[in-house]
Amino acid sequence: MKTFDRVEKAFYTSIILSGIILAIGIVFLQTRLLQVQSEMAKVNQEISQKQVEINDAKQAANELLRSARLMEIAEKAGLSFNNDNIGVAE
């Protein structure tokens, strides 16, 4: 059986250490990638929720601006409804 000299031992030890460090690095990067993907999913969910809230608010604003609704409010307040006095704000 052949024995290894110092140079061979150092070479093989460096290969083994490099493999271990590489494996640890890969595990770390995959873990970090999963964390980032999880955070992205949360942000996308929040964006979707805010978009739904915006759409609901637009729907409510449109509902309040309908002519029939405005006439109803004017009549309840004892006012007359005049379309010429209505302006659209954007």
C-alpha atoms as a PDB file:
ATOM      1  CA  MET A   1       0.000   0.000   0.000  1.00  0.00           C
ATOM      2  CA  LYS A   2       1.305   3.394  -0.982  1.00  0.00           C
ATOM      3  CA  THR A   3       1.646   6.140   1.621  1.00  0.00           C
ATOM      4  CA  PHE A   4       0.995   9.760   0.733  1.00  0.00           C
ATOM      5  CA  ASP A   5       3.696  12.382   1.112  1.00  0.00           C
ATOM      6  CA  ARG A   6       3.032  15.896   2.438  1.00  0.00           C
ATOM      7  CA  VAL A   7       2.202  17.488  -0.916  1.00  0.00           C
ATOM      8  CA  GLU A   8      -0.331  14.791  -1.770  1.00  0.00           C
ATOM      9  CA  LYS A   9      -1.942  15.044   1.667  1.00  0.00           C
ATOM     10  CA  ALA A  10      -2.208  18.834   1.339  1.00  0.00           C
ATOM     11  CA  PHE A  11      -3.669  18.485  -2.168  1.00  0.00           C
ATOM     12  CA  TYR A  12      -6.315  15.947  -1.159  1.00  0.00           C
ATOM     13  CA  THR A  13      -7.144  17.871   2.006  1.00  0.00           C
ATOM     14  CA  SER A  14      -7.649  21.062  -0.009  1.00  0.00           C
ATOM     15  CA  ILE A  15      -9.936  19.213  -2.448  1.00  0.00           C
ATOM     16  CA  ILE A  16     -12.027  17.816   0.415  1.00  0.00           C
ATOM     17  CA  LEU A  17     -12.235  21.212   2.150  1.00  0.00           C
ATOM     18  CA  SER A  18     -13.186  22.894  -1.127  1.00  0.00           C
ATOM     19  CA  GLY A  19     -15.980  20.352  -1.623  1.00  0.00           C
ATOM     20  CA  ILE A  20     -17.297  20.894   1.905  1.00  0.00           C
ATOM     21  CA  ILE A  21     -17.186  24.690   1.541  1.00  0.00           C
ATOM     22  CA  LEU A  22     -18.901  24.466  -1.846  1.00  0.00           C
ATOM     23  CA  ALA A  23     -21.661  22.253  -0.415  1.00  0.00           C
ATOM     24  CA  ILE A  24     -22.240  24.646   2.493  1.00  0.00           C
ATOM     25  CA  GLY A  25     -22.329  27.586   0.083  1.00  0.00           C
ATOM     26  CA  ILE A  26     -24.906  25.883  -2.135  1.00  0.00           C
ATOM     27  CA  VAL A  27     -27.141  25.098   0.845  1.00  0.00           C
ATOM     28  CA  PHE A  28     -26.858  28.695   2.067  1.00  0.00           C
ATOM     29  CA  LEU A  29     -27.713  30.132  -1.362  1.00  0.00           C
ATOM     30  CA  GLN A  30     -30.699  27.828  -1.805  1.00  0.00           C
ATOM     31  CA  THR A  31     -31.998  28.767   1.637  1.00  0.00           C
ATOM     32  CA  ARG A  32     -31.625  32.461   0.835  1.00  0.00           C
ATOM     33  CA  LEU A  33     -33.362  31.945  -2.513  1.00  0.00           C
ATOM     34  CA  LEU A  34     -36.332  30.330  -0.766  1.00  0.00           C
ATOM     35  CA  GLN A  35     -36.519  33.250   1.668  1.00  0.00           C
ATOM     36  CA  VAL A  36     -36.522  35.777  -1.178  1.00  0.00           C
ATOM     37  CA  GLN A  37     -39.193  33.822  -3.064  1.00  0.00           C
ATOM     38  CA  SER A  38     -41.332  33.732   0.083  1.00  0.00           C
ATOM     39  CA  GLU A  39     -40.959  37.491   0.548  1.00  0.00           C
ATOM     40  CA  MET A  40     -41.841  38.068  -3.112  1.00  0.00           C
ATOM     41  CA  ALA A  41     -44.977  35.963  -2.738  1.00  0.00           C
ATOM     42  CA  LYS A  42     -46.025  38.036   0.280  1.00  0.00           C
ATOM     43  CA  VAL A  43     -45.414  41.309  -1.582  1.00  0.00           C
ATOM     44  CA  ASN A  44     -47.350  40.066  -4.621  1.00  0.00           C
ATOM     45  CA  GLN A  45     -50.224  39.065  -2.350  1.00  0.00           C
ATOM     46  CA  GLU A  46     -50.221  42.530  -0.756  1.00  0.00           C
ATOM     47  CA  ILE A  47     -50.187  44.147  -4.209  1.00  0.00           C
ATOM     48  CA  SER A  48     -53.159  42.038  -5.272  1.00  0.00           C
ATOM     49  CA  GLN A  49     -55.021  42.929  -2.092  1.00  0.00           C
ATOM     50  CA  LYS A  50     -54.356  46.654  -2.601  1.00  0.00           C
ATOM     51  CA  GLN A  51     -55.500  46.381  -6.229  1.00  0.00           C
ATOM     52  CA  VAL A  52     -58.772  44.843  -5.045  1.00  0.00           C
ATOM     53  CA  GLU A  53     -59.175  47.686  -2.532  1.00  0.00           C
ATOM     54  CA  ILE A  54     -58.529  50.263  -5.275  1.00  0.00           C
ATOM     55  CA  ASN A  55     -61.075  48.613  -7.565  1.00  0.00           C
ATOM     56  CA  ASP A  56     -63.634  48.524  -4.736  1.00  0.00           C
ATOM     57  CA  ALA A  57     -63.044  52.227  -4.038  1.00  0.00           C
ATOM     58  CA  LYS A  58     -63.462  53.073  -7.731  1.00  0.00           C
ATOM     59  CA  GLN A  59     -66.683  51.066  -7.820  1.00  0.00           C
ATOM     60  CA  ALA A  60     -67.983  52.891  -4.738  1.00  0.00           C
ATOM     61  CA  ALA A  61     -67.068  56.272  -6.265  1.00  0.00           C
ATOM     62  CA  ASN A  62     -68.834  55.377  -9.503  1.00  0.00           C
ATOM     63  CA  GLU A  63     -71.880  54.250  -7.537  1.00  0.00           C
ATOM     64  CA  LEU A  64     -72.003  57.570  -5.693  1.00  0.00           C
ATOM     65  CA  LEU A  65     -71.699  59.561  -8.923  1.00  0.00           C
ATOM     66  CA  ARG A  66     -74.580  57.954 -10.783  1.00  0.00           C
ATOM     67  CA  SER A  67     -77.212  60.483 -11.873  1.00  0.00           C
ATOM     68  CA  ALA A  68     -80.043  58.610 -10.161  1.00  0.00           C
ATOM     69  CA  ARG A  69     -78.079  58.554  -6.923  1.00  0.00           C
ATOM     70  CA  LEU A  70     -77.317  62.275  -7.184  1.00  0.00           C
ATOM     71  CA  MET A  71     -80.990  63.102  -7.853  1.00  0.00           C
ATOM     72  CA  GLU A  72     -81.998  61.029  -4.839  1.00  0.00           C
ATOM     73  CA  ILE A  73     -79.539  62.874  -2.600  1.00  0.00           C
ATOM     74  CA  ALA A  74     -80.651  66.264  -3.980  1.00  0.00           C
ATOM     75  CA  GLU A  75     -84.334  65.469  -3.402  1.00  0.00           C
ATOM     76  CA  LYS A  76     -83.648  64.326   0.167  1.00  0.00           C
ATOM     77  CA  ALA A  77     -81.872  67.613   0.821  1.00  0.00           C
ATOM     78  CA  GLY A  78     -84.689  69.604  -0.768  1.00  0.00           C
ATOM     79  CA  LEU A  79     -82.555  70.692  -3.706  1.00  0.00           C
ATOM     80  CA  SER A  80     -83.072  70.522  -7.429  1.00  0.00           C
ATOM     81  CA  PHE A  81     -80.816  68.485  -9.670  1.00  0.00           C
ATOM     82  CA  ASN A  82     -79.247  70.396 -12.574  1.00  0.00           C
ATOM     83  CA  ASN A  83     -76.935  68.438 -14.911  1.00  0.00           C
ATOM     84  CA  ASP A  84     -75.365  71.662 -16.208  1.00  0.00           C
ATOM     85  CA  ASN A  85     -73.805  72.294 -12.801  1.00  0.00           C
ATOM     86  CA  ILE A  86     -72.059  68.932 -12.650  1.00  0.00           C
ATOM     87  CA  GLY A  87     -68.357  68.770 -13.476  1.00  0.00           C
ATOM     88  CA  VAL A  88     -66.052  65.792 -13.727  1.00  0.00           C
ATOM     89  CA  ALA A  89     -62.809  65.824 -11.780  1.00  0.00           C
ATOM     90  CA  GLU A  90     -59.932  63.595 -12.763  1.00  0.00           C
END
